[in-house]
């Protein structure tokens, strides 16, 4: 576990040096920007659903790692089972 943390710290140091970032700028750069996902469990679930449907899936499809359509009509055909 510690080796992973040390590797991450080294990556951050390299990023800061490469881009000339201050400590503040580095923190902003490496901090996930998911502050929009706050609220009740139902509200968060609704927001995640919209995010996945409207942003994540299209991006994955564009990269070719998520299907845009299925070949067959049944689950058996989708999984290429006899």
C-alpha atoms as a PDB file:
ATOM      1  CA  UNK A   1       0.000   0.000   0.000  1.00  0.00           C
ATOM      2  CA  UNK A   2       2.757   2.437   0.933  1.00  0.00           C
ATOM      3  CA  UNK A   3       4.609   1.830  -2.341  1.00  0.00           C
ATOM      4  CA  UNK A   4       1.489   2.916  -4.225  1.00  0.00           C
ATOM      5  CA  UNK A   5       1.289   6.141  -2.230  1.00  0.00           C
ATOM      6  CA  UNK A   6       4.959   6.876  -2.825  1.00  0.00           C
ATOM      7  CA  UNK A   7       4.502   6.287  -6.554  1.00  0.00           C
ATOM      8  CA  UNK A   8       1.535   8.672  -6.616  1.00  0.00           C
ATOM      9  CA  UNK A   9       3.525  11.329  -4.768  1.00  0.00           C
ATOM     10  CA  UNK A  10       6.336  10.954  -7.293  1.00  0.00           C
ATOM     11  CA  UNK A  11       3.853  11.333 -10.164  1.00  0.00           C
ATOM     12  CA  UNK A  12       2.527  14.523  -8.576  1.00  0.00           C
ATOM     13  CA  UNK A  13       6.044  15.901  -8.150  1.00  0.00           C
ATOM     14  CA  UNK A  14       6.810  15.179 -11.792  1.00  0.00           C
ATOM     15  CA  UNK A  15       3.533  16.770 -12.905  1.00  0.00           C
ATOM     16  CA  UNK A  16       4.224  19.891 -10.837  1.00  0.00           C
ATOM     17  CA  UNK A  17       7.757  20.187 -12.208  1.00  0.00           C
ATOM     18  CA  UNK A  18       6.671  19.528 -15.789  1.00  0.00           C
ATOM     19  CA  UNK A  19       3.897  22.135 -15.729  1.00  0.00           C
ATOM     20  CA  UNK A  20       5.483  24.576 -13.284  1.00  0.00           C
ATOM     21  CA  UNK A  21       2.608  24.215 -10.832  1.00  0.00           C
ATOM     22  CA  UNK A  22       2.522  25.726  -7.371  1.00  0.00           C
ATOM     23  CA  UNK A  23       1.346  23.487  -4.522  1.00  0.00           C
ATOM     24  CA  UNK A  24      -2.095  25.125  -4.756  1.00  0.00           C
ATOM     25  CA  UNK A  25      -2.276  24.583  -8.519  1.00  0.00           C
ATOM     26  CA  UNK A  26      -1.151  20.973  -8.123  1.00  0.00           C
ATOM     27  CA  UNK A  27      -3.882  20.294  -5.558  1.00  0.00           C
ATOM     28  CA  UNK A  28      -6.484  21.784  -7.895  1.00  0.00           C
ATOM     29  CA  UNK A  29      -5.103  19.723 -10.787  1.00  0.00           C
ATOM     30  CA  UNK A  30      -5.177  16.356  -8.986  1.00  0.00           C
ATOM     31  CA  UNK A  31      -8.373  16.810  -6.963  1.00  0.00           C
ATOM     32  CA  UNK A  32     -11.378  15.057  -8.532  1.00  0.00           C
ATOM     33  CA  UNK A  33     -14.014  17.561  -9.621  1.00  0.00           C
ATOM     34  CA  UNK A  34     -17.116  15.605  -8.595  1.00  0.00           C
ATOM     35  CA  UNK A  35     -18.569  18.123  -6.175  1.00  0.00           C
ATOM     36  CA  UNK A  36     -21.827  18.082  -8.159  1.00  0.00           C
ATOM     37  CA  UNK A  37     -22.629  14.651  -6.737  1.00  0.00           C
ATOM     38  CA  UNK A  38     -24.091  15.766  -3.413  1.00  0.00           C
ATOM     39  CA  UNK A  39     -27.551  15.396  -1.946  1.00  0.00           C
ATOM     40  CA  UNK A  40     -29.821  12.595  -0.814  1.00  0.00           C
ATOM     41  CA  UNK A  41     -29.040   9.067  -2.005  1.00  0.00           C
ATOM     42  CA  UNK A  42     -31.864   9.378  -4.541  1.00  0.00           C
ATOM     43  CA  UNK A  43     -30.580  12.715  -5.840  1.00  0.00           C
ATOM     44  CA  UNK A  44     -27.042  11.377  -6.171  1.00  0.00           C
ATOM     45  CA  UNK A  45     -28.332   8.275  -7.971  1.00  0.00           C
ATOM     46  CA  UNK A  46     -30.311  10.485 -10.379  1.00  0.00           C
ATOM     47  CA  UNK A  47     -27.258  12.666 -11.048  1.00  0.00           C
ATOM     48  CA  UNK A  48     -24.960   9.654 -11.582  1.00  0.00           C
ATOM     49  CA  UNK A  49     -27.504   8.124 -13.958  1.00  0.00           C
ATOM     50  CA  UNK A  50     -27.583  11.313 -16.030  1.00  0.00           C
ATOM     51  CA  UNK A  51     -23.782  11.587 -15.948  1.00  0.00           C
ATOM     52  CA  UNK A  52     -23.266   7.999 -17.082  1.00  0.00           C
ATOM     53  CA  UNK A  53     -25.950   8.169 -19.782  1.00  0.00           C
ATOM     54  CA  UNK A  54     -25.148  11.622 -21.138  1.00  0.00           C
ATOM     55  CA  UNK A  55     -21.372  11.880 -20.730  1.00  0.00           C
ATOM     56  CA  UNK A  56     -19.571   8.676 -19.772  1.00  0.00           C
ATOM     57  CA  UNK A  57     -21.153   6.164 -22.151  1.00  0.00           C
ATOM     58  CA  UNK A  58     -20.770   8.372 -25.259  1.00  0.00           C
ATOM     59  CA  UNK A  59     -17.100   8.983 -24.385  1.00  0.00           C
ATOM     60  CA  UNK A  60     -16.469   5.253 -23.930  1.00  0.00           C
ATOM     61  CA  UNK A  61     -18.262   4.510 -27.208  1.00  0.00           C
ATOM     62  CA  UNK A  62     -16.152   7.095 -29.004  1.00  0.00           C
ATOM     63  CA  UNK A  63     -13.037   5.355 -27.688  1.00  0.00           C
ATOM     64  CA  UNK A  64     -14.347   2.008 -28.884  1.00  0.00           C
ATOM     65  CA  UNK A  65     -14.520   0.367 -25.451  1.00  0.00           C
ATOM     66  CA  UNK A  66     -18.299   0.338 -25.063  1.00  0.00           C
ATOM     67  CA  UNK A  67     -20.780  -1.042 -27.587  1.00  0.00           C
ATOM     68  CA  UNK A  68     -22.903   1.202 -29.709  1.00  0.00           C
ATOM     69  CA  UNK A  69     -25.231  -1.635 -30.728  1.00  0.00           C
ATOM     70  CA  UNK A  70     -25.761  -5.365 -30.394  1.00  0.00           C
ATOM     71  CA  UNK A  71     -25.476  -7.885 -33.191  1.00  0.00           C
ATOM     72  CA  UNK A  72     -28.214 -10.281 -32.090  1.00  0.00           C
ATOM     73  CA  UNK A  73     -31.678 -10.059 -30.606  1.00  0.00           C
ATOM     74  CA  UNK A  74     -31.212 -12.237 -27.489  1.00  0.00           C
ATOM     75  CA  UNK A  75     -28.766 -12.326 -24.587  1.00  0.00           C
ATOM     76  CA  UNK A  76     -27.507 -15.688 -25.862  1.00  0.00           C
ATOM     77  CA  UNK A  77     -26.699 -14.065 -29.217  1.00  0.00           C
ATOM     78  CA  UNK A  78     -25.118 -11.027 -27.558  1.00  0.00           C
ATOM     79  CA  UNK A  79     -22.809 -13.295 -25.576  1.00  0.00           C
ATOM     80  CA  UNK A  80     -22.118 -15.413 -28.684  1.00  0.00           C
ATOM     81  CA  UNK A  81     -23.397 -18.606 -27.034  1.00  0.00           C
ATOM     82  CA  UNK A  82     -24.659 -21.664 -28.878  1.00  0.00           C
END
